[in-house]
C-alpha atoms as a PDB file:
ATOM      1  CA  MET A   1       0.000   0.000   0.000  1.00  0.00           C
ATOM      2  CA  SER A   2       1.151   3.571  -0.531  1.00  0.00           C
ATOM      3  CA  GLY A   3       2.265   5.695   2.393  1.00  0.00           C
ATOM      4  CA  ASP A   4      -0.996   7.658   2.509  1.00  0.00           C
ATOM      5  CA  ARG A   5      -3.155   4.525   2.888  1.00  0.00           C
ATOM      6  CA  MET A   6      -3.435   2.226   5.826  1.00  0.00           C
ATOM      7  CA  MET A   7      -2.510  -1.412   5.466  1.00  0.00           C
ATOM      8  CA  PRO A   8      -5.526  -3.607   4.778  1.00  0.00           C
ATOM      9  CA  SER A   9      -7.123  -5.259   7.774  1.00  0.00           C
ATOM     10  CA  ARG A  10      -6.934  -9.002   8.352  1.00  0.00           C
ATOM     11  CA  ILE A  11     -10.562  -9.236   7.201  1.00  0.00           C
ATOM     12  CA  GLU A  12      -9.692  -7.464   3.934  1.00  0.00           C
ATOM     13  CA  ASP A  13      -6.706  -9.772   3.440  1.00  0.00           C
ATOM     14  CA  GLU A  14      -8.889 -12.812   4.067  1.00  0.00           C
ATOM     15  CA  ALA A  15     -11.492 -11.542   1.599  1.00  0.00           C
ATOM     16  CA  ALA A  16      -8.792 -10.921  -1.033  1.00  0.00           C
ATOM     17  CA  CYS A  17      -7.478 -14.479  -0.683  1.00  0.00           C
ATOM     18  CA  ALA A  18     -10.992 -15.960  -0.778  1.00  0.00           C
ATOM     19  CA  ARG A  19     -11.671 -13.906  -3.893  1.00  0.00           C
ATOM     20  CA  LEU A  20      -8.694 -15.587  -5.588  1.00  0.00           C
ATOM     21  CA  CYS A  21     -10.473 -18.947  -5.214  1.00  0.00           C
ATOM     22  CA  VAL A  22     -13.655 -17.665  -6.813  1.00  0.00           C
ATOM     23  CA  ASP A  23     -11.873 -15.647  -9.510  1.00  0.00           C
ATOM     24  CA  PHE A  24      -9.792 -18.669 -10.503  1.00  0.00           C
ATOM     25  CA  ALA A  25     -12.950 -20.756 -10.993  1.00  0.00           C
ATOM     26  CA  ASN A  26     -14.836 -18.037 -12.862  1.00  0.00           C
ATOM     27  CA  HIS A  27     -11.951 -17.085 -15.164  1.00  0.00           C
ATOM     28  CA  LEU A  28     -11.095 -20.726 -15.893  1.00  0.00           C
ATOM     29  CA  ASP A  29     -14.708 -21.566 -16.757  1.00  0.00           C
ATOM     30  CA  ALA A  30     -14.991 -18.486 -19.000  1.00  0.00           C
ATOM     31  CA  ARG A  31     -11.631 -19.279 -20.639  1.00  0.00           C
ATOM     32  CA  ARG A  32     -10.180 -15.911 -19.611  1.00  0.00           C
ATOM     33  CA  TYR A  33      -6.715 -17.401 -19.409  1.00  0.00           C
ATOM     34  CA  ASP A  34      -4.780 -14.135 -19.114  1.00  0.00           C
ATOM     35  CA  ALA A  35      -6.903 -13.351 -16.061  1.00  0.00           C
ATOM     36  CA  VAL A  36      -6.198 -16.825 -14.624  1.00  0.00           C
ATOM     37  CA  LEU A  37      -2.446 -16.276 -15.052  1.00  0.00           C
ATOM     38  CA  ALA A  38      -2.673 -12.865 -13.360  1.00  0.00           C
ATOM     39  CA  LEU A  39      -3.957 -14.572 -10.193  1.00  0.00           C
ATOM     40  CA  PHE A  40      -0.620 -16.373  -9.711  1.00  0.00           C
ATOM     41  CA  THR A  41       2.765 -15.107  -8.590  1.00  0.00           C
ATOM     42  CA  GLU A  42       5.380 -15.122 -11.367  1.00  0.00           C
ATOM     43  CA  ASP A  43       6.795 -18.396 -10.011  1.00  0.00           C
ATOM     44  CA  GLY A  44       3.397 -19.810  -9.045  1.00  0.00           C
ATOM     45  CA  THR A  45       2.617 -23.498  -9.344  1.00  0.00           C
ATOM     46  CA  LEU A  46      -0.484 -25.548 -10.028  1.00  0.00           C
ATOM     47  CA  ASP A  47      -0.463 -29.175  -8.911  1.00  0.00           C
ATOM     48  CA  ARG A  48      -3.486 -30.799 -10.532  1.00  0.00           C
ATOM     49  CA  MET A  49      -3.924 -34.289  -9.099  1.00  0.00           C
ATOM     50  CA  GLY A  50      -0.148 -34.797  -8.972  1.00  0.00           C
ATOM     51  CA  THR A  51       0.748 -33.203 -12.313  1.00  0.00           C
ATOM     52  CA  VAL A  52       2.695 -30.037 -11.505  1.00  0.00           C
ATOM     53  CA  PHE A  53       2.831 -26.931 -13.694  1.00  0.00           C
ATOM     54  CA  ALA A  54       5.561 -24.695 -12.240  1.00  0.00           C
ATOM     55  CA  GLY A  55       6.000 -21.120 -13.434  1.00  0.00           C
ATOM     56  CA  ARG A  56       4.165 -18.892 -15.876  1.00  0.00           C
ATOM     57  CA  ALA A  57       5.178 -20.779 -19.041  1.00  0.00           C
ATOM     58  CA  ALA A  58       4.015 -24.128 -17.652  1.00  0.00           C
ATOM     59  CA  LEU A  59       0.712 -22.611 -16.501  1.00  0.00           C
ATOM     60  CA  GLU A  60       0.187 -21.256 -20.021  1.00  0.00           C
ATOM     61  CA  VAL A  61       0.697 -24.781 -21.420  1.00  0.00           C
ATOM     62  CA  PHE A  62      -1.857 -26.203 -18.958  1.00  0.00           C
ATOM     63  CA  LEU A  63      -4.434 -23.611 -19.997  1.00  0.00           C
ATOM     64  CA  ALA A  64      -3.745 -23.962 -23.738  1.00  0.00           C
ATOM     65  CA  GLU A  65      -4.251 -27.731 -23.534  1.00  0.00           C
ATOM     66  CA  ARG A  66      -7.758 -27.512 -22.059  1.00  0.00           C
ATOM     67  CA  PRO A  67     -10.171 -29.145 -24.567  1.00  0.00           C
ATOM     68  CA  ALA A  68     -12.072 -26.510 -26.525  1.00  0.00           C
ATOM     69  CA  ASP A  69     -15.261 -28.592 -26.705  1.00  0.00           C
ATOM     70  CA  VAL A  70     -15.534 -29.136 -22.939  1.00  0.00           C
ATOM     71  CA  THR A  71     -17.479 -26.688 -20.789  1.00  0.00           C
ATOM     72  CA  THR A  72     -16.734 -26.552 -17.054  1.00  0.00           C
ATOM     73  CA  ARG A  73     -18.289 -24.977 -13.998  1.00  0.00           C
ATOM     74  CA  HIS A  74     -16.506 -24.857 -10.649  1.00  0.00           C
ATOM     75  CA  LEU A  75     -18.528 -23.903  -7.550  1.00  0.00           C
ATOM     76  CA  CYS A  76     -16.312 -22.947  -4.592  1.00  0.00           C
ATOM     77  CA  THR A  77     -17.511 -23.364  -1.015  1.00  0.00           C
ATOM     78  CA  ASN A  78     -16.256 -23.683   2.581  1.00  0.00           C
ATOM     79  CA  ILE A  79     -13.382 -21.300   1.847  1.00  0.00           C
ATOM     80  CA  SER A  80     -11.004 -20.833   4.753  1.00  0.00           C
ATOM     81  CA  VAL A  81      -7.850 -18.732   4.955  1.00  0.00           C
ATOM     82  CA  HIS A  82      -5.179 -18.857   7.657  1.00  0.00           C
ATOM     83  CA  PHE A  83      -2.270 -16.458   7.974  1.00  0.00           C
ATOM     84  CA  ASP A  84       1.160 -17.956   8.603  1.00  0.00           C
ATOM     85  CA  ALA A  85       3.246 -14.786   8.672  1.00  0.00           C
ATOM     86  CA  GLU A  86       2.996 -11.257   7.344  1.00  0.00           C
ATOM     87  CA  GLY A  87       2.420 -11.597   3.620  1.00  0.00           C
ATOM     88  CA  ASP A  88       1.905 -15.390   3.634  1.00  0.00           C
ATOM     89  CA  ALA A  89      -1.305 -17.368   4.035  1.00  0.00           C
ATOM     90  CA  THR A  90      -2.730 -20.801   3.368  1.00  0.00           C
ATOM     91  CA  GLY A  91      -6.198 -21.568   2.130  1.00  0.00           C
ATOM     92  CA  PHE A  92      -8.587 -24.422   1.577  1.00  0.00           C
ATOM     93  CA  CYS A  93     -11.921 -24.871  -0.151  1.00  0.00           C
ATOM     94  CA  TYR A  94     -14.191 -27.524  -1.583  1.00  0.00           C
ATOM     95  CA  VAL A  95     -15.071 -27.224  -5.252  1.00  0.00           C
ATOM     96  CA  LEU A  96     -18.057 -28.877  -6.891  1.00  0.00           C
ATOM     97  CA  PHE A  97     -16.906 -29.591 -10.434  1.00  0.00           C
ATOM     98  CA  PHE A  98     -19.257 -29.999 -13.407  1.00  0.00           C
ATOM     99  CA  HIS A  99     -18.192 -30.650 -16.973  1.00  0.00           C
ATOM    100  CA  GLY A 100     -20.001 -31.154 -20.247  1.00  0.00           C
ATOM    101  CA  ARG A 101     -19.317 -31.509 -23.937  1.00  0.00           C
ATOM    102  CA  THR A 102     -20.492 -28.716 -26.193  1.00  0.00           C
ATOM    103  CA  GLN A 103     -22.648 -29.859 -29.081  1.00  0.00           C
ATOM    104  CA  GLU A 104     -22.626 -28.100 -32.463  1.00  0.00           C
ATOM    105  CA  ALA A 105     -25.138 -25.362 -31.762  1.00  0.00           C
ATOM    106  CA  GLY A 106     -26.594 -26.076 -28.408  1.00  0.00           C
ATOM    107  CA  MET A 107     -26.335 -26.405 -24.694  1.00  0.00           C
ATOM    108  CA  PRO A 108     -23.434 -28.503 -23.360  1.00  0.00           C
ATOM    109  CA  THR A 109     -24.406 -32.027 -22.337  1.00  0.00           C
ATOM    110  CA  ALA A 110     -23.170 -33.244 -18.943  1.00  0.00           C
ATOM    111  CA  LEU A 111     -20.438 -35.851 -19.071  1.00  0.00           C
ATOM    112  CA  GLY A 112     -21.610 -37.375 -15.810  1.00  0.00           C
ATOM    113  CA  PRO A 113     -22.418 -36.346 -12.258  1.00  0.00           C
ATOM    114  CA  PRO A 114     -20.289 -33.671 -10.570  1.00  0.00           C
ATOM    115  CA  SER A 115     -17.156 -34.467  -8.585  1.00  0.00           C
ATOM    116  CA  VAL A 116     -15.822 -32.710  -5.504  1.00  0.00           C
ATOM    117  CA  VAL A 117     -12.221 -31.544  -5.420  1.00  0.00           C
ATOM    118  CA  GLU A 118     -10.249 -29.650  -2.793  1.00  0.00           C
ATOM    119  CA  TYR A 119      -8.044 -26.626  -3.391  1.00  0.00           C
ATOM    120  CA  HIS A 120      -5.091 -26.445  -1.023  1.00  0.00           C
ATOM    121  CA  ASP A 121      -3.502 -23.026  -1.502  1.00  0.00           C
ATOM    122  CA  ARG A 122      -0.531 -20.972  -0.479  1.00  0.00           C
ATOM    123  CA  PHE A 123      -1.077 -17.232  -0.973  1.00  0.00           C
ATOM    124  CA  ARG A 124       1.523 -14.468  -1.020  1.00  0.00           C
ATOM    125  CA  ARG A 125       1.080 -10.717  -0.785  1.00  0.00           C
ATOM    126  CA  THR A 126       2.816  -9.026  -3.741  1.00  0.00           C
ATOM    127  CA  ALA A 127       3.156  -5.425  -4.879  1.00  0.00           C
ATOM    128  CA  SER A 128      -0.006  -6.102  -6.933  1.00  0.00           C
ATOM    129  CA  GLY A 129      -1.952  -7.575  -4.013  1.00  0.00           C
ATOM    130  CA  TRP A 130      -2.526 -11.160  -2.896  1.00  0.00           C
ATOM    131  CA  ARG A 131      -1.697 -13.856  -5.441  1.00  0.00           C
ATOM    132  CA  ILE A 132      -1.695 -17.647  -5.558  1.00  0.00           C
ATOM    133  CA  GLN A 133       1.810 -18.959  -4.921  1.00  0.00           C
ATOM    134  CA  GLU A 134       0.753 -22.598  -5.070  1.00  0.00           C
ATOM    135  CA  ARG A 135      -2.516 -24.402  -5.711  1.00  0.00           C
ATOM    136  CA  ARG A 136      -2.813 -28.146  -5.124  1.00  0.00           C
ATOM    137  CA  ILE A 137      -6.004 -29.705  -6.490  1.00  0.00           C
ATOM    138  CA  ARG A 138      -6.982 -33.051  -4.977  1.00  0.00           C
ATOM    139  CA  MET A 139      -9.966 -35.308  -5.641  1.00  0.00           C
ATOM    140  CA  ALA A 140     -12.290 -35.593  -2.636  1.00  0.00           C
ATOM    141  CA  ILE A 141     -15.277 -37.429  -4.164  1.00  0.00           C
ATOM    142  CA  GLN A 142     -15.006 -38.988  -7.602  1.00  0.00           C
ATOM    143  CA  ALA A 143     -18.134 -38.872  -9.770  1.00  0.00           C
END
């Protein structure tokens, strides 16, 4: 923060970290990949079920490889944030995950019942605000 503004409160920091969870889901589902990348630190990592994408270039590959004909919706809930030290926090949330295949000119058709995954996060305060340093995605309930 600049010298003429007060540091954000713990509640504001918690809200900013929780917002990263929701923004990630919304941007990913809408295929706003530049916005997804902006949520991560420059050296951020995404560990998706044991496959790790470390750094901006690897995250770009992950996003580029998402199937164009698959529509997803991620619903985040039970978000919790805990602060480890000044500028570092961990987070957790459940995510209800839906996916469907897009037909030629119609509504996507579900590819099965939803699954539940968990996001295990490490957040870091940067000059641009809170960012995801690491996100580990783990299956909680397989469809």
